[in-house]
């Protein structure tokens, strides 16, 4: 896959504040195996956004690791809540 240069747009929050908005679309997503209706994980990793298909159990394991004591944390932090709401 080739690198893609995209523009960050803005959208308005419920409080009428501008916030960054990134839209991904195109046949290249299908070539990566992403289809309409698929669940995805969007994670931050050292200043990068990482997008992965949410394969059964992966998200639940990440959440479990985040709540375990003694500093056991996953390497990436999900940006969505378990019910699918985005974390802002």
PDB file of N, CA and C in Angstrom:
ATOM      1  N   UNK A   1       0.839  -1.193   0.000  1.00  0.00           N
ATOM      2  CA  UNK A   1       0.000   0.000   0.000  1.00  0.00           C
ATOM      3  C   UNK A   1       0.875   1.244   0.000  1.00  0.00           C
ATOM      4  N   UNK A   2       0.443   2.223  -0.706  1.00  0.00           N
ATOM      5  CA  UNK A   2       1.186   3.481  -0.733  1.00  0.00           C
ATOM      6  C   UNK A   2       0.754   4.387   0.421  1.00  0.00           C
ATOM      7  N   UNK A   3       1.620   5.309   0.768  1.00  0.00           N
ATOM      8  CA  UNK A   3       1.274   6.303   1.784  1.00  0.00           C
ATOM      9  C   UNK A   3       0.207   7.226   1.215  1.00  0.00           C
ATOM     10  N   UNK A   4      -0.631   7.748   2.082  1.00  0.00           N
ATOM     11  CA  UNK A   4      -1.695   8.661   1.666  1.00  0.00           C
ATOM     12  C   UNK A   4      -1.593   9.942   2.478  1.00  0.00           C
ATOM     13  N   UNK A   5      -1.703  11.059   1.801  1.00  0.00           N
ATOM     14  CA  UNK A   5      -1.698  12.359   2.465  1.00  0.00           C
ATOM     15  C   UNK A   5      -3.151  12.838   2.515  1.00  0.00           C
ATOM     16  N   UNK A   6      -3.654  13.046   3.722  1.00  0.00           N
ATOM     17  CA  UNK A   6      -5.048  13.431   3.922  1.00  0.00           C
ATOM     18  C   UNK A   6      -5.122  14.783   4.622  1.00  0.00           C
ATOM     19  N   UNK A   7      -6.277  15.402   4.559  1.00  0.00           N
ATOM     20  CA  UNK A   7      -6.528  16.661   5.243  1.00  0.00           C
ATOM     21  C   UNK A   7      -7.347  16.400   6.501  1.00  0.00           C
ATOM     22  N   UNK A   8      -6.970  17.031   7.587  1.00  0.00           N
ATOM     23  CA  UNK A   8      -7.766  16.969   8.811  1.00  0.00           C
ATOM     24  C   UNK A   8      -8.796  18.085   8.728  1.00  0.00           C
ATOM     25  N   UNK A   9     -10.056  17.705   8.771  1.00  0.00           N
ATOM     26  CA  UNK A   9     -11.161  18.660   8.722  1.00  0.00           C
ATOM     27  C   UNK A   9     -11.587  18.999  10.142  1.00  0.00           C
ATOM     28  N   UNK A  10     -12.665  19.718  10.274  1.00  0.00           N
ATOM     29  CA  UNK A  10     -13.224  19.944  11.605  1.00  0.00           C
ATOM     30  C   UNK A  10     -14.698  19.618  11.596  1.00  0.00           C
ATOM     31  N   UNK A  11     -15.180  19.274  12.770  1.00  0.00           N
ATOM     32  CA  UNK A  11     -16.601  19.016  13.015  1.00  0.00           C
ATOM     33  C   UNK A  11     -16.947  19.769  14.292  1.00  0.00           C
ATOM     34  N   UNK A  12     -18.221  19.956  14.523  1.00  0.00           N
ATOM     35  CA  UNK A  12     -18.649  20.655  15.731  1.00  0.00           C
ATOM     36  C   UNK A  12     -19.094  19.665  16.797  1.00  0.00           C
ATOM     37  N   UNK A  13     -18.695  19.935  18.027  1.00  0.00           N
ATOM     38  CA  UNK A  13     -19.113  19.114  19.158  1.00  0.00           C
ATOM     39  C   UNK A  13     -20.528  19.524  19.576  1.00  0.00           C
ATOM     40  N   UNK A  14     -21.061  18.798  20.552  1.00  0.00           N
ATOM     41  CA  UNK A  14     -22.385  19.126  21.081  1.00  0.00           C
ATOM     42  C   UNK A  14     -22.400  20.523  21.711  1.00  0.00           C
ATOM     43  N   UNK A  15     -21.227  20.987  22.134  1.00  0.00           N
ATOM     44  CA  UNK A  15     -21.117  22.322  22.733  1.00  0.00           C
ATOM     45  C   UNK A  15     -20.759  23.376  21.682  1.00  0.00           C
ATOM     46  N   UNK A  16     -20.897  23.013  20.412  1.00  0.00           N
ATOM     47  CA  UNK A  16     -20.647  23.921  19.290  1.00  0.00           C
ATOM     48  C   UNK A  16     -19.187  24.366  19.200  1.00  0.00           C
ATOM     49  N   UNK A  17     -18.273  23.490  19.622  1.00  0.00           N
ATOM     50  CA  UNK A  17     -16.848  23.769  19.537  1.00  0.00           C
ATOM     51  C   UNK A  17     -16.261  23.014  18.342  1.00  0.00           C
ATOM     52  N   UNK A  18     -15.317  23.628  17.643  1.00  0.00           N
ATOM     53  CA  UNK A  18     -14.640  22.951  16.548  1.00  0.00           C
ATOM     54  C   UNK A  18     -13.692  21.896  17.107  1.00  0.00           C
ATOM     55  N   UNK A  19     -13.688  20.718  16.477  1.00  0.00           N
ATOM     56  CA  UNK A  19     -12.766  19.663  16.854  1.00  0.00           C
ATOM     57  C   UNK A  19     -12.268  18.962  15.593  1.00  0.00           C
ATOM     58  N   UNK A  20     -11.070  18.375  15.632  1.00  0.00           N
ATOM     59  CA  UNK A  20     -10.515  17.719  14.458  1.00  0.00           C
ATOM     60  C   UNK A  20     -11.361  16.521  14.018  1.00  0.00           C
ATOM     61  N   UNK A  21     -11.406  16.315  12.715  1.00  0.00           N
ATOM     62  CA  UNK A  21     -12.189  15.219  12.143  1.00  0.00           C
ATOM     63  C   UNK A  21     -11.388  14.619  10.990  1.00  0.00           C
ATOM     64  N   UNK A  22     -11.193  13.309  11.010  1.00  0.00           N
ATOM     65  CA  UNK A  22     -10.467  12.610   9.948  1.00  0.00           C
ATOM     66  C   UNK A  22     -11.427  11.628   9.282  1.00  0.00           C
ATOM     67  N   UNK A  23     -11.523  11.711   7.950  1.00  0.00           N
ATOM     68  CA  UNK A  23     -12.405  10.805   7.208  1.00  0.00           C
ATOM     69  C   UNK A  23     -11.556   9.904   6.323  1.00  0.00           C
ATOM     70  N   UNK A  24     -11.789   8.605   6.447  1.00  0.00           N
ATOM     71  CA  UNK A  24     -11.110   7.629   5.604  1.00  0.00           C
ATOM     72  C   UNK A  24     -12.157   6.950   4.736  1.00  0.00           C
ATOM     73  N   UNK A  25     -11.922   6.899   3.442  1.00  0.00           N
ATOM     74  CA  UNK A  25     -12.849   6.223   2.545  1.00  0.00           C
ATOM     75  C   UNK A  25     -12.109   5.816   1.291  1.00  0.00           C
ATOM     76  N   UNK A  26     -12.609   4.797   0.628  1.00  0.00           N
ATOM     77  CA  UNK A  26     -12.018   4.400  -0.641  1.00  0.00           C
ATOM     78  C   UNK A  26     -11.861   2.901  -0.781  1.00  0.00           C
ATOM     79  N   UNK A  27     -11.617   2.502  -2.016  1.00  0.00           N
ATOM     80  CA  UNK A  27     -11.437   1.082  -2.319  1.00  0.00           C
ATOM     81  C   UNK A  27     -10.202   0.510  -1.644  1.00  0.00           C
ATOM     82  N   UNK A  28      -9.248   1.376  -1.325  1.00  0.00           N
ATOM     83  CA  UNK A  28      -8.037   0.893  -0.671  1.00  0.00           C
ATOM     84  C   UNK A  28      -8.338   0.280   0.692  1.00  0.00           C
ATOM     85  N   UNK A  29      -9.414   0.747   1.351  1.00  0.00           N
ATOM     86  CA  UNK A  29      -9.807   0.147   2.635  1.00  0.00           C
ATOM     87  C   UNK A  29     -10.307  -1.279   2.422  1.00  0.00           C
ATOM     88  N   UNK A  30     -11.081  -1.478   1.339  1.00  0.00           N
ATOM     89  CA  UNK A  30     -11.547  -2.833   1.015  1.00  0.00           C
ATOM     90  C   UNK A  30     -10.372  -3.758   0.734  1.00  0.00           C
ATOM     91  N   UNK A  31      -9.354  -3.243   0.050  1.00  0.00           N
ATOM     92  CA  UNK A  31      -8.175  -4.059  -0.241  1.00  0.00           C
ATOM     93  C   UNK A  31      -7.464  -4.480   1.036  1.00  0.00           C
ATOM     94  N   UNK A  32      -7.636  -3.704   2.099  1.00  0.00           N
ATOM     95  CA  UNK A  32      -7.067  -4.053   3.399  1.00  0.00           C
ATOM     96  C   UNK A  32      -7.974  -4.980   4.201  1.00  0.00           C
ATOM     97  N   UNK A  33      -9.147  -5.310   3.641  1.00  0.00           N
ATOM     98  CA  UNK A  33     -10.071  -6.209   4.328  1.00  0.00           C
ATOM     99  C   UNK A  33     -11.085  -5.509   5.204  1.00  0.00           C
ATOM    100  N   UNK A  34     -11.221  -4.196   5.066  1.00  0.00           N
ATOM    101  CA  UNK A  34     -12.183  -3.435   5.870  1.00  0.00           C
ATOM    102  C   UNK A  34     -13.444  -3.236   5.050  1.00  0.00           C
ATOM    103  N   UNK A  35     -14.583  -3.657   5.609  1.00  0.00           N
ATOM    104  CA  UNK A  35     -15.871  -3.583   4.918  1.00  0.00           C
ATOM    105  C   UNK A  35     -16.857  -2.747   5.730  1.00  0.00           C
ATOM    106  N   UNK A  36     -17.870  -2.162   5.065  1.00  0.00           N
ATOM    107  CA  UNK A  36     -18.906  -1.427   5.807  1.00  0.00           C
ATOM    108  C   UNK A  36     -19.522  -2.299   6.895  1.00  0.00           C
ATOM    109  N   UNK A  37     -19.677  -1.738   8.082  1.00  0.00           N
ATOM    110  CA  UNK A  37     -20.257  -2.465   9.212  1.00  0.00           C
ATOM    111  C   UNK A  37     -19.220  -3.125  10.106  1.00  0.00           C
ATOM    112  N   UNK A  38     -17.963  -3.214   9.652  1.00  0.00           N
ATOM    113  CA  UNK A  38     -16.919  -3.807  10.482  1.00  0.00           C
ATOM    114  C   UNK A  38     -16.664  -2.935  11.708  1.00  0.00           C
ATOM    115  N   UNK A  39     -16.318  -3.570  12.809  1.00  0.00           N
ATOM    116  CA  UNK A  39     -15.887  -2.842  14.008  1.00  0.00           C
ATOM    117  C   UNK A  39     -14.375  -2.666  13.915  1.00  0.00           C
ATOM    118  N   UNK A  40     -13.897  -1.478  14.262  1.00  0.00           N
ATOM    119  CA  UNK A  40     -12.461  -1.222  14.244  1.00  0.00           C
ATOM    120  C   UNK A  40     -12.017  -0.674  15.582  1.00  0.00           C
ATOM    121  N   UNK A  41     -10.734  -0.802  15.839  1.00  0.00           N
ATOM    122  CA  UNK A  41     -10.100  -0.176  17.003  1.00  0.00           C
ATOM    123  C   UNK A  41      -9.223   0.950  16.488  1.00  0.00           C
ATOM    124  N   UNK A  42      -9.311   2.099  17.107  1.00  0.00           N
ATOM    125  CA  UNK A  42      -8.425   3.215  16.799  1.00  0.00           C
ATOM    126  C   UNK A  42      -7.630   3.483  18.064  1.00  0.00           C
ATOM    127  N   UNK A  43      -6.316   3.328  17.974  1.00  0.00           N
ATOM    128  CA  UNK A  43      -5.460   3.441  19.143  1.00  0.00           C
ATOM    129  C   UNK A  43      -4.361   4.457  18.882  1.00  0.00           C
ATOM    130  N   UNK A  44      -3.861   5.051  19.955  1.00  0.00           N
ATOM    131  CA  UNK A  44      -2.735   5.980  19.881  1.00  0.00           C
ATOM    132  C   UNK A  44      -1.504   5.226  20.338  1.00  0.00           C
ATOM    133  N   UNK A  45      -0.433   5.333  19.562  1.00  0.00           N
ATOM    134  CA  UNK A  45       0.805   4.649  19.904  1.00  0.00           C
ATOM    135  C   UNK A  45       1.972   5.566  19.568  1.00  0.00           C
ATOM    136  N   UNK A  46       2.569   6.188  20.586  1.00  0.00           N
ATOM    137  CA  UNK A  46       3.723   7.073  20.417  1.00  0.00           C
ATOM    138  C   UNK A  46       3.473   8.143  19.350  1.00  0.00           C
ATOM    139  N   UNK A  47       2.329   8.823  19.442  1.00  0.00           N
ATOM    140  CA  UNK A  47       2.019   9.912  18.530  1.00  0.00           C
ATOM    141  C   UNK A  47       1.450   9.493  17.194  1.00  0.00           C
ATOM    142  N   UNK A  48       1.174   8.216  17.003  1.00  0.00           N
ATOM    143  CA  UNK A  48       0.591   7.721  15.760  1.00  0.00           C
ATOM    144  C   UNK A  48      -0.792   7.152  16.040  1.00  0.00           C
ATOM    145  N   UNK A  49      -1.668   7.247  15.049  1.00  0.00           N
ATOM    146  CA  UNK A  49      -2.953   6.570  15.128  1.00  0.00           C
ATOM    147  C   UNK A  49      -2.803   5.204  14.480  1.00  0.00           C
ATOM    148  N   UNK A  50      -3.293   4.178  15.152  1.00  0.00           N
ATOM    149  CA  UNK A  50      -3.253   2.811  14.636  1.00  0.00           C
ATOM    150  C   UNK A  50      -4.686   2.341  14.508  1.00  0.00           C
ATOM    151  N   UNK A  51      -5.059   1.878  13.311  1.00  0.00           N
ATOM    152  CA  UNK A  51      -6.415   1.403  13.049  1.00  0.00           C
ATOM    153  C   UNK A  51      -6.343  -0.087  12.745  1.00  0.00           C
ATOM    154  N   UNK A  52      -7.120  -0.878  13.492  1.00  0.00           N
ATOM    155  CA  UNK A  52      -7.142  -2.321  13.297  1.00  0.00           C
ATOM    156  C   UNK A  52      -8.576  -2.819  13.320  1.00  0.00           C
ATOM    157  N   UNK A  53      -8.826  -3.910  12.590  1.00  0.00           N
ATOM    158  CA  UNK A  53     -10.124  -4.551  12.706  1.00  0.00           C
ATOM    159  C   UNK A  53     -10.256  -5.094  14.117  1.00  0.00           C
ATOM    160  N   UNK A  54     -11.432  -4.951  14.719  1.00  0.00           N
ATOM    161  CA  UNK A  54     -11.670  -5.441  16.077  1.00  0.00           C
ATOM    162  C   UNK A  54     -12.067  -6.899  15.990  1.00  0.00           C
ATOM    163  N   UNK A  55     -11.070  -7.756  16.056  1.00  0.00           N
ATOM    164  CA  UNK A  55     -11.342  -9.182  16.017  1.00  0.00           C
ATOM    165  C   UNK A  55     -11.844  -9.617  17.375  1.00  0.00           C
ATOM    166  N   UNK A  56     -12.742 -10.555  17.398  1.00  0.00           N
ATOM    167  CA  UNK A  56     -13.406 -10.984  18.632  1.00  0.00           C
ATOM    168  C   UNK A  56     -12.423 -11.176  19.781  1.00  0.00           C
ATOM    169  N   UNK A  57     -12.682 -10.488  20.877  1.00  0.00           N
ATOM    170  CA  UNK A  57     -11.911 -10.659  22.088  1.00  0.00           C
ATOM    171  C   UNK A  57     -10.721  -9.730  22.235  1.00  0.00           C
ATOM    172  N   UNK A  58     -10.243  -9.143  21.147  1.00  0.00           N
ATOM    173  CA  UNK A  58      -9.067  -8.284  21.221  1.00  0.00           C
ATOM    174  C   UNK A  58      -9.361  -7.068  22.090  1.00  0.00           C
ATOM    175  N   UNK A  59     -10.469  -6.394  21.832  1.00  0.00           N
ATOM    176  CA  UNK A  59     -10.807  -5.189  22.590  1.00  0.00           C
ATOM    177  C   UNK A  59     -11.010  -5.518  24.060  1.00  0.00           C
ATOM    178  N   UNK A  60     -11.718  -6.598  24.343  1.00  0.00           N
ATOM    179  CA  UNK A  60     -11.965  -6.978  25.732  1.00  0.00           C
ATOM    180  C   UNK A  60     -10.656  -7.254  26.474  1.00  0.00           C
ATOM    181  N   UNK A  61      -9.693  -7.874  25.799  1.00  0.00           N
ATOM    182  CA  UNK A  61      -8.400  -8.158  26.420  1.00  0.00           C
ATOM    183  C   UNK A  61      -7.644  -6.865  26.705  1.00  0.00           C
ATOM    184  N   UNK A  62      -7.700  -5.900  25.788  1.00  0.00           N
ATOM    185  CA  UNK A  62      -7.059  -4.610  26.026  1.00  0.00           C
ATOM    186  C   UNK A  62      -7.667  -3.925  27.240  1.00  0.00           C
ATOM    187  N   UNK A  63      -8.998  -3.919  27.343  1.00  0.00           N
ATOM    188  CA  UNK A  63      -9.665  -3.278  28.488  1.00  0.00           C
ATOM    189  C   UNK A  63      -9.275  -3.978  29.781  1.00  0.00           C
ATOM    190  N   UNK A  64      -9.208  -5.301  29.776  1.00  0.00           N
ATOM    191  CA  UNK A  64      -8.837  -6.056  30.969  1.00  0.00           C
ATOM    192  C   UNK A  64      -7.421  -5.673  31.405  1.00  0.00           C
ATOM    193  N   UNK A  65      -6.502  -5.604  30.457  1.00  0.00           N
ATOM    194  CA  UNK A  65      -5.118  -5.259  30.783  1.00  0.00           C
ATOM    195  C   UNK A  65      -5.008  -3.849  31.336  1.00  0.00           C
ATOM    196  N   UNK A  66      -5.853  -2.946  30.880  1.00  0.00           N
ATOM    197  CA  UNK A  66      -5.797  -1.562  31.345  1.00  0.00           C
ATOM    198  C   UNK A  66      -6.240  -1.433  32.793  1.00  0.00           C
ATOM    199  N   UNK A  67      -7.082  -2.352  33.266  1.00  0.00           N
ATOM    200  CA  UNK A  67      -7.606  -2.246  34.622  1.00  0.00           C
ATOM    201  C   UNK A  67      -6.861  -3.135  35.611  1.00  0.00           C
ATOM    202  N   UNK A  68      -5.911  -3.959  35.139  1.00  0.00           N
ATOM    203  CA  UNK A  68      -5.153  -4.808  36.047  1.00  0.00           C
ATOM    204  C   UNK A  68      -4.187  -3.970  36.879  1.00  0.00           C
ATOM    205  N   UNK A  69      -3.991  -4.335  38.135  1.00  0.00           N
ATOM    206  CA  UNK A  69      -3.065  -3.582  38.987  1.00  0.00           C
ATOM    207  C   UNK A  69      -1.607  -3.841  38.617  1.00  0.00           C
ATOM    208  N   UNK A  70      -0.690  -3.177  39.315  1.00  0.00           N
ATOM    209  CA  UNK A  70       0.750  -3.378  39.216  1.00  0.00           C
ATOM    210  C   UNK A  70       1.305  -2.964  37.858  1.00  0.00           C
ATOM    211  N   UNK A  71       0.705  -1.946  37.263  1.00  0.00           N
ATOM    212  CA  UNK A  71       1.266  -1.369  36.057  1.00  0.00           C
ATOM    213  C   UNK A  71       1.147  -2.192  34.797  1.00  0.00           C
ATOM    214  N   UNK A  72       0.351  -3.239  34.812  1.00  0.00           N
ATOM    215  CA  UNK A  72       0.180  -4.033  33.595  1.00  0.00           C
ATOM    216  C   UNK A  72      -0.751  -3.276  32.659  1.00  0.00           C
ATOM    217  N   UNK A  73      -0.182  -2.754  31.585  1.00  0.00           N
ATOM    218  CA  UNK A  73      -0.959  -1.983  30.623  1.00  0.00           C
ATOM    219  C   UNK A  73      -0.601  -2.451  29.224  1.00  0.00           C
ATOM    220  N   UNK A  74      -1.556  -2.382  28.306  1.00  0.00           N
ATOM    221  CA  UNK A  74      -1.228  -2.723  26.924  1.00  0.00           C
ATOM    222  C   UNK A  74      -0.334  -1.645  26.314  1.00  0.00           C
ATOM    223  N   UNK A  75       0.291  -1.963  25.202  1.00  0.00           N
ATOM    224  CA  UNK A  75       1.167  -1.010  24.540  1.00  0.00           C
ATOM    225  C   UNK A  75       0.387   0.083  23.828  1.00  0.00           C
ATOM    226  N   UNK A  76      -0.891  -0.163  23.514  1.00  0.00           N
ATOM    227  CA  UNK A  76      -1.728   0.821  22.835  1.00  0.00           C
ATOM    228  C   UNK A  76      -2.950   1.109  23.676  1.00  0.00           C
ATOM    229  N   UNK A  77      -3.510   2.295  23.533  1.00  0.00           N
ATOM    230  CA  UNK A  77      -4.659   2.716  24.318  1.00  0.00           C
ATOM    231  C   UNK A  77      -5.862   2.911  23.407  1.00  0.00           C
ATOM    232  N   UNK A  78      -6.942   2.131  23.581  1.00  0.00           N
ATOM    233  CA  UNK A  78      -8.130   2.311  22.755  1.00  0.00           C
ATOM    234  C   UNK A  78      -8.722   3.704  22.916  1.00  0.00           C
ATOM    235  N   UNK A  79      -9.258   4.234  21.831  1.00  0.00           N
ATOM    236  CA  UNK A  79      -9.868   5.560  21.860  1.00  0.00           C
ATOM    237  C   UNK A  79     -11.384   5.482  21.777  1.00  0.00           C
ATOM    238  N   UNK A  80     -11.933   4.272  22.044  1.00  0.00           N
ATOM    239  CA  UNK A  80     -13.381   4.099  22.060  1.00  0.00           C
ATOM    240  C   UNK A  80     -13.772   3.399  23.337  1.00  0.00           C
ATOM    241  N   UNK A  81     -14.977   3.642  23.804  1.00  0.00           N
ATOM    242  CA  UNK A  81     -15.503   2.988  24.994  1.00  0.00           C
ATOM    243  C   UNK A  81     -16.061   1.616  24.580  1.00  0.00           C
ATOM    244  N   UNK A  82     -16.284   0.687  25.525  1.00  0.00           N
ATOM    245  CA  UNK A  82     -16.800  -0.636  25.189  1.00  0.00           C
ATOM    246  C   UNK A  82     -18.136  -0.586  24.426  1.00  0.00           C
ATOM    247  N   UNK A  83     -18.942   0.446  24.672  1.00  0.00           N
ATOM    248  CA  UNK A  83     -20.231   0.522  23.977  1.00  0.00           C
ATOM    249  C   UNK A  83     -20.108   1.186  22.611  1.00  0.00           C
ATOM    250  N   UNK A  84     -18.887   1.475  22.167  1.00  0.00           N
ATOM    251  CA  UNK A  84     -18.677   2.035  20.838  1.00  0.00           C
ATOM    252  C   UNK A  84     -18.566   3.550  20.786  1.00  0.00           C
ATOM    253  N   UNK A  85     -18.838   4.232  21.918  1.00  0.00           N
ATOM    254  CA  UNK A  85     -18.724   5.697  21.927  1.00  0.00           C
ATOM    255  C   UNK A  85     -17.266   6.100  21.825  1.00  0.00           C
ATOM    256  N   UNK A  86     -17.008   7.178  21.093  1.00  0.00           N
ATOM    257  CA  UNK A  86     -15.642   7.671  20.950  1.00  0.00           C
ATOM    258  C   UNK A  86     -15.188   8.361  22.222  1.00  0.00           C
ATOM    259  N   UNK A  87     -13.922   8.185  22.537  1.00  0.00           N
ATOM    260  CA  UNK A  87     -13.303   8.880  23.649  1.00  0.00           C
ATOM    261  C   UNK A  87     -12.731  10.177  23.104  1.00  0.00           C
ATOM    262  N   UNK A  88     -13.074  11.303  23.710  1.00  0.00           N
ATOM    263  CA  UNK A  88     -12.597  12.605  23.221  1.00  0.00           C
ATOM    264  C   UNK A  88     -11.704  13.242  24.255  1.00  0.00           C
TER     265      UNK A  88
END
